[in-house]
C-alpha atoms as a PDB file:
ATOM      1  CA  MET A   1      74.406  35.278  33.467  1.00  0.00           C
ATOM      2  CA  GLY A   2      73.355  31.872  34.644  1.00  0.00           C
ATOM      3  CA  ASN A   3      75.544  28.865  33.928  1.00  0.00           C
ATOM      4  CA  ALA A   4      74.776  25.177  34.247  1.00  0.00           C
ATOM      5  CA  GLY A   5      76.027  23.775  37.527  1.00  0.00           C
ATOM      6  CA  GLN A   6      76.197  27.200  39.177  1.00  0.00           C
ATOM      7  CA  ALA A   7      72.710  27.621  40.619  1.00  0.00           C
ATOM      8  CA  ASN A   8      74.143  28.349  44.071  1.00  0.00           C
ATOM      9  CA  TYR A   9      76.451  31.049  42.682  1.00  0.00           C
ATOM     10  CA  SER A  10      73.687  32.639  40.596  1.00  0.00           C
ATOM     11  CA  ALA A  11      71.263  32.610  43.519  1.00  0.00           C
ATOM     12  CA  SER A  12      73.846  34.249  45.772  1.00  0.00           C
ATOM     13  CA  LYS A  13      74.504  37.008  43.232  1.00  0.00           C
ATOM     14  CA  ALA A  14      70.774  37.602  42.771  1.00  0.00           C
ATOM     15  CA  GLY A  15      70.436  37.900  46.538  1.00  0.00           C
ATOM     16  CA  LEU A  16      73.164  40.536  46.649  1.00  0.00           C
ATOM     17  CA  VAL A  17      71.474  42.513  43.869  1.00  0.00           C
ATOM     18  CA  GLY A  18      68.203  42.466  45.820  1.00  0.00           C
ATOM     19  CA  LEU A  19      69.963  43.406  49.051  1.00  0.00           C
ATOM     20  CA  THR A  20      71.738  46.307  47.326  1.00  0.00           C
ATOM     21  CA  LYS A  21      68.494  47.713  45.934  1.00  0.00           C
ATOM     22  CA  SER A  22      66.549  47.226  49.177  1.00  0.00           C
ATOM     23  CA  ALA A  23      69.279  48.796  51.306  1.00  0.00           C
ATOM     24  CA  ALA A  24      69.575  51.710  48.866  1.00  0.00           C
ATOM     25  CA  ARG A  25      65.856  52.436  49.100  1.00  0.00           C
ATOM     26  CA  GLU A  26      65.749  51.977  52.875  1.00  0.00           C
ATOM     27  CA  LEU A  27      68.784  54.139  53.628  1.00  0.00           C
ATOM     28  CA  ALA A  28      68.356  56.872  51.009  1.00  0.00           C
ATOM     29  CA  GLY A  29      66.283  58.996  53.380  1.00  0.00           C
ATOM     30  CA  ARG A  30      69.264  59.115  55.717  1.00  0.00           C
ATOM     31  CA  GLY A  31      71.627  60.227  52.949  1.00  0.00           C
ATOM     32  CA  VAL A  32      73.271  56.810  52.662  1.00  0.00           C
ATOM     33  CA  THR A  33      73.921  55.332  49.232  1.00  0.00           C
ATOM     34  CA  CYS A  34      74.301  51.634  48.484  1.00  0.00           C
ATOM     35  CA  ASN A  35      75.720  50.231  45.262  1.00  0.00           C
ATOM     36  CA  ALA A  36      77.278  46.955  44.203  1.00  0.00           C
ATOM     37  CA  ILE A  37      80.270  46.170  42.041  1.00  0.00           C
ATOM     38  CA  ALA A  38      79.942  43.090  39.830  1.00  0.00           C
ATOM     39  CA  PRO A  39      83.367  42.190  38.467  1.00  0.00           C
ATOM     40  CA  GLY A  40      83.919  39.773  35.622  1.00  0.00           C
ATOM     41  CA  PHE A  41      87.226  37.997  35.128  1.00  0.00           C
ATOM     42  CA  ILE A  42      89.812  39.976  37.095  1.00  0.00           C
ATOM     43  CA  LYS A  43      93.491  39.014  37.406  1.00  0.00           C
ATOM     44  CA  THR A  44      93.525  37.280  40.761  1.00  0.00           C
ATOM     45  CA  ASP A  45      94.750  33.963  42.107  1.00  0.00           C
ATOM     46  CA  MET A  46      91.188  32.633  41.734  1.00  0.00           C
ATOM     47  CA  THR A  47      91.142  33.299  37.969  1.00  0.00           C
ATOM     48  CA  ARG A  48      94.760  32.410  37.234  1.00  0.00           C
ATOM     49  CA  GLU A  49      93.885  29.277  35.241  1.00  0.00           C
ATOM     50  CA  PHE A  50      91.406  31.223  33.049  1.00  0.00           C
ATOM     51  CA  GLN A  51      93.374  34.411  32.403  1.00  0.00           C
ATOM     52  CA  GLU A  52      94.866  33.294  29.101  1.00  0.00           C
ATOM     53  CA  SER A  53      92.074  30.957  28.025  1.00  0.00           C
ATOM     54  CA  GLU A  54      91.003  31.654  24.449  1.00  0.00           C
ATOM     55  CA  GLU A  55      87.455  30.599  25.362  1.00  0.00           C
ATOM     56  CA  VAL A  56      87.302  33.200  28.148  1.00  0.00           C
ATOM     57  CA  LEU A  57      89.009  35.964  26.187  1.00  0.00           C
ATOM     58  CA  SER A  58      86.766  35.420  23.166  1.00  0.00           C
ATOM     59  CA  ALA A  59      83.712  36.041  25.415  1.00  0.00           C
ATOM     60  CA  ILE A  60      85.067  39.425  26.541  1.00  0.00           C
ATOM     61  CA  PRO A  61      84.650  42.227  23.973  1.00  0.00           C
ATOM     62  CA  LEU A  62      87.761  44.009  25.312  1.00  0.00           C
ATOM     63  CA  LYS A  63      89.699  40.723  24.807  1.00  0.00           C
ATOM     64  CA  ARG A  64      91.465  40.833  28.168  1.00  0.00           C
ATOM     65  CA  VAL A  65      90.810  40.181  31.825  1.00  0.00           C
ATOM     66  CA  GLY A  66      90.523  43.134  34.166  1.00  0.00           C
ATOM     67  CA  GLU A  67      93.139  44.444  36.544  1.00  0.00           C
ATOM     68  CA  PRO A  68      92.470  44.611  40.306  1.00  0.00           C
ATOM     69  CA  GLU A  69      93.352  48.316  40.160  1.00  0.00           C
ATOM     70  CA  GLU A  70      90.444  48.917  37.777  1.00  0.00           C
ATOM     71  CA  VAL A  71      88.010  47.504  40.313  1.00  0.00           C
ATOM     72  CA  ALA A  72      89.689  49.528  43.060  1.00  0.00           C
ATOM     73  CA  ARG A  73      89.244  52.747  41.065  1.00  0.00           C
ATOM     74  CA  LEU A  74      85.531  52.013  40.668  1.00  0.00           C
ATOM     75  CA  ALA A  75      85.204  51.358  44.402  1.00  0.00           C
ATOM     76  CA  ALA A  76      87.055  54.597  45.190  1.00  0.00           C
ATOM     77  CA  PHE A  77      84.753  56.514  42.843  1.00  0.00           C
ATOM     78  CA  LEU A  78      81.641  55.083  44.498  1.00  0.00           C
ATOM     79  CA  ALA A  79      83.028  55.888  47.948  1.00  0.00           C
ATOM     80  CA  GLY A  80      83.952  59.436  46.958  1.00  0.00           C
ATOM     81  CA  ASP A  81      81.980  62.649  46.719  1.00  0.00           C
ATOM     82  CA  GLY A  82      81.444  62.378  42.956  1.00  0.00           C
ATOM     83  CA  ALA A  83      79.059  59.442  43.296  1.00  0.00           C
ATOM     84  CA  GLY A  84      76.752  61.028  45.856  1.00  0.00           C
ATOM     85  CA  TYR A  85      73.653  60.800  43.631  1.00  0.00           C
ATOM     86  CA  ILE A  86      74.199  57.181  42.545  1.00  0.00           C
ATOM     87  CA  THR A  87      72.343  54.606  44.607  1.00  0.00           C
ATOM     88  CA  GLY A  88      70.765  51.210  44.085  1.00  0.00           C
ATOM     89  CA  GLU A  89      72.989  50.390  41.129  1.00  0.00           C
ATOM     90  CA  VAL A  90      74.872  47.235  40.271  1.00  0.00           C
ATOM     91  CA  ILE A  91      77.863  48.266  38.175  1.00  0.00           C
ATOM     92  CA  ARG A  92      79.416  45.554  36.034  1.00  0.00           C
ATOM     93  CA  ILE A  93      83.132  45.845  35.402  1.00  0.00           C
ATOM     94  CA  ASP A  94      83.631  42.949  33.044  1.00  0.00           C
ATOM     95  CA  GLY A  95      85.093  44.244  29.784  1.00  0.00           C
ATOM     96  CA  GLY A  96      81.623  44.092  28.216  1.00  0.00           C
ATOM     97  CA  MET A  97      81.173  40.361  28.786  1.00  0.00           C
ATOM     98  CA  ALA A  98      77.588  40.591  30.072  1.00  0.00           C
ATOM     99  CA  MET A  99      76.243  43.220  27.676  1.00  0.00           C
END
């Protein structure tokens, strides 16, 4: 989602989406997959001031911020054997915020 005053952030994310898809297509013939993880609000030092914000929580259908371990489990899945046929995807892990 684009937000006012965050053109640089949005452009960077769009660049990573394009890079993910291009790398996935380019490397697929060599058996290499490439996917991206797009986290929403995750409990980290960077989001500390927003973690309990009613404005933030009301925008998240699950009504909570994510745990770092949840992102780690997604990364482990993508790195494991079970995700071998997934490539070129950007997987949001944001409690439904961007749906």
